[in-house]
């Protein structure tokens, strides 16, 4: 899984030797390797560059295609292109469409 997330070359490094983005991708690898039914992700791409953000979202999409459920909370509109359903929260109000 670390190879798939482009972290294979960092396998022998301590967490303190990893960047914030690398640590975030390690957390994703740890979650995916357990093959859960549902993943809850709070700002999963917040500390990632655009290339790694897209890669993470592609892994979430593959997880979903394999039957898993992914709930992502984010401020990044680019993430929406990977979603099947989008809910918006503004001023404590939840809606299915833009507010």
C-alpha atoms as a PDB file:
ATOM      1  CA  UNK A   1       0.000   0.000   0.000  1.00  0.00           C
ATOM      2  CA  UNK A   2       2.897   2.372   0.706  1.00  0.00           C
ATOM      3  CA  UNK A   3       4.198   1.769  -2.815  1.00  0.00           C
ATOM      4  CA  UNK A   4       0.770   2.595  -4.254  1.00  0.00           C
ATOM      5  CA  UNK A   5       0.815   5.877  -2.333  1.00  0.00           C
ATOM      6  CA  UNK A   6       4.352   6.674  -3.543  1.00  0.00           C
ATOM      7  CA  UNK A   7       5.868   6.144  -0.104  1.00  0.00           C
ATOM      8  CA  UNK A   8       7.796   2.918  -0.622  1.00  0.00           C
ATOM      9  CA  UNK A   9      11.112   4.762  -0.572  1.00  0.00           C
ATOM     10  CA  UNK A  10      10.263   6.137   2.921  1.00  0.00           C
ATOM     11  CA  UNK A  11       9.382   2.802   4.549  1.00  0.00           C
ATOM     12  CA  UNK A  12      12.371   2.796   6.923  1.00  0.00           C
ATOM     13  CA  UNK A  13      11.905   6.417   8.029  1.00  0.00           C
ATOM     14  CA  UNK A  14      10.526   7.459  11.401  1.00  0.00           C
ATOM     15  CA  UNK A  15       7.361   9.579  11.519  1.00  0.00           C
ATOM     16  CA  UNK A  16       9.448  12.574  12.607  1.00  0.00           C
ATOM     17  CA  UNK A  17      11.408  12.242   9.350  1.00  0.00           C
ATOM     18  CA  UNK A  18       8.279  12.462   7.179  1.00  0.00           C
ATOM     19  CA  UNK A  19       6.620  15.599   5.902  1.00  0.00           C
ATOM     20  CA  UNK A  20       3.077  16.418   6.972  1.00  0.00           C
ATOM     21  CA  UNK A  21       1.782  15.268   3.594  1.00  0.00           C
ATOM     22  CA  UNK A  22       3.704  12.001   3.833  1.00  0.00           C
ATOM     23  CA  UNK A  23       2.286  11.380   7.305  1.00  0.00           C
ATOM     24  CA  UNK A  24      -1.188  12.034   5.945  1.00  0.00           C
ATOM     25  CA  UNK A  25      -0.659   9.468   3.171  1.00  0.00           C
ATOM     26  CA  UNK A  26       0.684   6.949   5.725  1.00  0.00           C
ATOM     27  CA  UNK A  27      -2.545   7.407   7.692  1.00  0.00           C
ATOM     28  CA  UNK A  28      -4.499   6.709   4.500  1.00  0.00           C
ATOM     29  CA  UNK A  29      -2.418   3.569   3.840  1.00  0.00           C
ATOM     30  CA  UNK A  30      -3.060   2.358   7.392  1.00  0.00           C
ATOM     31  CA  UNK A  31      -6.794   2.896   6.947  1.00  0.00           C
ATOM     32  CA  UNK A  32      -7.008   1.262   3.511  1.00  0.00           C
ATOM     33  CA  UNK A  33      -4.958  -1.788   4.426  1.00  0.00           C
ATOM     34  CA  UNK A  34      -7.530  -2.757   7.080  1.00  0.00           C
ATOM     35  CA  UNK A  35     -10.260  -2.864   4.386  1.00  0.00           C
ATOM     36  CA  UNK A  36     -12.974  -1.156   6.442  1.00  0.00           C
ATOM     37  CA  UNK A  37     -16.572  -0.749   5.278  1.00  0.00           C
ATOM     38  CA  UNK A  38     -16.443   3.012   5.754  1.00  0.00           C
ATOM     39  CA  UNK A  39     -13.712   5.662   5.761  1.00  0.00           C
ATOM     40  CA  UNK A  40     -14.201   9.007   7.497  1.00  0.00           C
ATOM     41  CA  UNK A  41     -11.751  11.610   6.213  1.00  0.00           C
ATOM     42  CA  UNK A  42     -11.440  15.113   7.647  1.00  0.00           C
ATOM     43  CA  UNK A  43      -9.526  17.354   5.227  1.00  0.00           C
ATOM     44  CA  UNK A  44      -7.597  14.402   3.718  1.00  0.00           C
ATOM     45  CA  UNK A  45      -5.930  16.558   1.068  1.00  0.00           C
ATOM     46  CA  UNK A  46      -5.370  19.673   3.174  1.00  0.00           C
ATOM     47  CA  UNK A  47      -1.576  19.313   3.401  1.00  0.00           C
ATOM     48  CA  UNK A  48      -0.980  17.758   0.005  1.00  0.00           C
ATOM     49  CA  UNK A  49       0.154  19.206  -3.294  1.00  0.00           C
ATOM     50  CA  UNK A  50      -2.279  18.908  -6.239  1.00  0.00           C
ATOM     51  CA  UNK A  51      -0.680  15.708  -7.585  1.00  0.00           C
ATOM     52  CA  UNK A  52      -0.842  13.870  -4.264  1.00  0.00           C
ATOM     53  CA  UNK A  53      -4.327  15.270  -3.554  1.00  0.00           C
ATOM     54  CA  UNK A  54      -5.581  13.765  -6.790  1.00  0.00           C
ATOM     55  CA  UNK A  55      -3.861  10.465  -5.986  1.00  0.00           C
ATOM     56  CA  UNK A  56      -5.535  10.295  -2.569  1.00  0.00           C
ATOM     57  CA  UNK A  57      -8.933  11.038  -4.082  1.00  0.00           C
ATOM     58  CA  UNK A  58      -8.368   8.367  -6.744  1.00  0.00           C
ATOM     59  CA  UNK A  59      -7.680   5.845  -3.950  1.00  0.00           C
ATOM     60  CA  UNK A  60     -10.906   6.905  -2.236  1.00  0.00           C
ATOM     61  CA  UNK A  61     -12.767   6.481  -5.542  1.00  0.00           C
ATOM     62  CA  UNK A  62     -11.316   2.985  -6.014  1.00  0.00           C
ATOM     63  CA  UNK A  63     -12.279   2.113  -2.433  1.00  0.00           C
ATOM     64  CA  UNK A  64     -15.826   3.284  -3.188  1.00  0.00           C
ATOM     65  CA  UNK A  65     -15.967   1.329  -6.474  1.00  0.00           C
ATOM     66  CA  UNK A  66     -14.969  -1.785  -4.508  1.00  0.00           C
ATOM     67  CA  UNK A  67     -18.030  -1.322  -2.296  1.00  0.00           C
ATOM     68  CA  UNK A  68     -16.744   0.898   0.504  1.00  0.00           C
ATOM     69  CA  UNK A  69     -18.258   4.146   1.700  1.00  0.00           C
ATOM     70  CA  UNK A  70     -16.186   7.320   2.017  1.00  0.00           C
ATOM     71  CA  UNK A  71     -17.277  10.425   3.899  1.00  0.00           C
ATOM     72  CA  UNK A  72     -14.987  13.389   3.248  1.00  0.00           C
ATOM     73  CA  UNK A  73     -15.172  16.737   5.005  1.00  0.00           C
ATOM     74  CA  UNK A  74     -13.270  19.423   3.127  1.00  0.00           C
ATOM     75  CA  UNK A  75     -13.107  23.055   2.115  1.00  0.00           C
ATOM     76  CA  UNK A  76     -11.554  22.148  -1.245  1.00  0.00           C
ATOM     77  CA  UNK A  77     -14.042  22.321  -4.154  1.00  0.00           C
ATOM     78  CA  UNK A  78     -11.795  20.143  -6.376  1.00  0.00           C
ATOM     79  CA  UNK A  79     -12.641  17.132  -4.210  1.00  0.00           C
ATOM     80  CA  UNK A  80     -16.275  17.333  -5.330  1.00  0.00           C
ATOM     81  CA  UNK A  81     -15.492  15.890  -8.775  1.00  0.00           C
ATOM     82  CA  UNK A  82     -14.798  12.544  -7.066  1.00  0.00           C
ATOM     83  CA  UNK A  83     -18.031  12.439  -5.091  1.00  0.00           C
ATOM     84  CA  UNK A  84     -21.286  10.658  -5.774  1.00  0.00           C
ATOM     85  CA  UNK A  85     -23.169  12.989  -3.454  1.00  0.00           C
ATOM     86  CA  UNK A  86     -22.212  16.358  -2.046  1.00  0.00           C
ATOM     87  CA  UNK A  87     -23.699  18.057   0.968  1.00  0.00           C
ATOM     88  CA  UNK A  88     -22.940  21.651   1.885  1.00  0.00           C
ATOM     89  CA  UNK A  89     -22.875  23.040   5.417  1.00  0.00           C
ATOM     90  CA  UNK A  90     -23.161  26.780   5.865  1.00  0.00           C
ATOM     91  CA  UNK A  91     -24.175  28.684   8.968  1.00  0.00           C
ATOM     92  CA  UNK A  92     -25.278  25.429  10.578  1.00  0.00           C
ATOM     93  CA  UNK A  93     -27.587  24.535   7.676  1.00  0.00           C
ATOM     94  CA  UNK A  94     -27.094  21.373   5.615  1.00  0.00           C
ATOM     95  CA  UNK A  95     -28.234  21.190   1.990  1.00  0.00           C
ATOM     96  CA  UNK A  96     -27.842  18.972  -1.087  1.00  0.00           C
ATOM     97  CA  UNK A  97     -26.865  21.861  -3.343  1.00  0.00           C
ATOM     98  CA  UNK A  98     -24.802  25.039  -3.279  1.00  0.00           C
ATOM     99  CA  UNK A  99     -25.951  27.519  -0.691  1.00  0.00           C
END
